[in-house]
Each structure stands twice: as structure tokens, then as C-alpha cells.
Amino acid sequence: MLIIERKEGESIDRVLKRYKRKHRETKVIGELRKRKQYTKPSVKRRNEILKAAYKNKKQAIID
């Protein structure tokens, strides 16, 4: 849970903006989306290998 202290004389809009920035920086939404569906480590590794092979193939075409 994120806690944002409101400074003296600070507007609520400014506090809300700081909260949103802090929320985005902590990557809370990304973590929730990642945990929503579990992928096995073997599947994750296979996807990384396929992605790397795809990138190498694209780079070879450009060169």
C-alpha cells in the first residue's frame, strides 16, 4: 500500500499526481497482470529463446 503525505498548503491535485507517479514507478499494475496468469518457467524460457531467435533473424535481414 502506498502512503503519500500531504504537505502543508499542497493542493489535492498535486498530491494525486504524486500518488499516480509513485504507483506507476512501483509497477503495481504490471505485477498484478503478471500474477493473474501463471506461466511455467520452462514455457517462459522457451518464449525467451524464440524471441531471441526472431530478433537475430530480423537483424540478419537488415545487415
Protein backbone atom coordinates (compact mmCIF):
# COMPACT_ATOMS: atom_id res chain seq x y z
CA MET A 1 0.00 0.00 0.00
CA LEU A 2 1.34 3.38 -0.98
CA ILE A 3 1.22 6.20 1.53
CA ILE A 4 1.56 9.77 0.35
CA GLU A 5 1.97 12.52 2.93
CA ARG A 6 0.17 15.75 2.10
CA LYS A 7 2.42 18.75 2.59
CA GLU A 8 1.20 21.98 4.13
CA GLY A 9 -0.69 24.09 1.58
CA GLU A 10 -0.41 21.46 -1.17
CA SER A 11 -3.41 21.06 -3.44
CA ILE A 12 -5.19 17.72 -3.70
CA ASP A 13 -4.47 17.62 -7.43
CA ARG A 14 -0.75 17.80 -6.79
CA VAL A 15 -0.96 15.04 -4.18
CA LEU A 16 -2.96 12.87 -6.56
CA LYS A 17 -0.36 13.43 -9.27
CA ARG A 18 2.43 12.34 -6.90
CA TYR A 19 0.42 9.26 -5.93
CA LYS A 20 -0.14 8.28 -9.56
CA ARG A 21 3.56 8.74 -10.35
CA LYS A 22 4.61 6.64 -7.38
CA HIS A 23 2.05 3.99 -8.29
CA ARG A 24 3.37 3.83 -11.85
CA GLU A 25 7.01 3.66 -10.70
CA THR A 26 6.38 0.75 -8.35
CA LYS A 27 4.89 -1.22 -11.27
CA VAL A 28 1.92 -2.43 -9.23
CA ILE A 29 -0.37 -2.90 -12.23
CA GLY A 30 2.25 -4.86 -14.17
CA GLU A 31 2.82 -7.16 -11.22
CA LEU A 32 -0.91 -7.79 -10.88
CA ARG A 33 -1.24 -8.61 -14.56
CA LYS A 34 1.75 -10.92 -14.38
CA ARG A 35 0.33 -12.79 -11.39
CA LYS A 36 -3.08 -13.10 -12.99
CA GLN A 37 -1.89 -15.97 -15.14
CA TYR A 38 0.96 -18.27 -14.15
CA THR A 39 3.45 -19.38 -16.79
CA LYS A 40 5.74 -22.28 -16.11
CA PRO A 41 9.46 -21.49 -16.06
CA SER A 42 10.06 -23.86 -18.99
CA VAL A 43 7.46 -22.07 -21.09
CA LYS A 44 8.87 -18.68 -20.13
CA ARG A 45 12.39 -19.79 -21.12
CA ARG A 46 11.16 -21.21 -24.42
CA ASN A 47 9.43 -17.92 -25.22
CA GLU A 48 12.65 -16.03 -24.44
CA ILE A 49 14.61 -18.30 -26.79
CA LEU A 50 12.04 -17.89 -29.57
CA LYS A 51 12.06 -14.12 -29.11
CA ALA A 52 15.86 -14.02 -29.28
CA ALA A 53 15.86 -16.16 -32.42
CA TYR A 54 13.30 -13.86 -34.02
CA LYS A 55 15.37 -10.78 -33.18
CA ASN A 56 18.52 -12.40 -34.59
CA LYS A 57 16.69 -13.31 -37.78
CA LYS A 58 15.38 -9.74 -38.19
CA GLN A 59 18.87 -8.34 -37.53
CA ALA A 60 20.39 -10.70 -40.12
CA ILE A 61 17.90 -9.47 -42.73
CA ILE A 62 18.79 -5.84 -42.04
CA ASP A 63 22.56 -6.46 -42.28
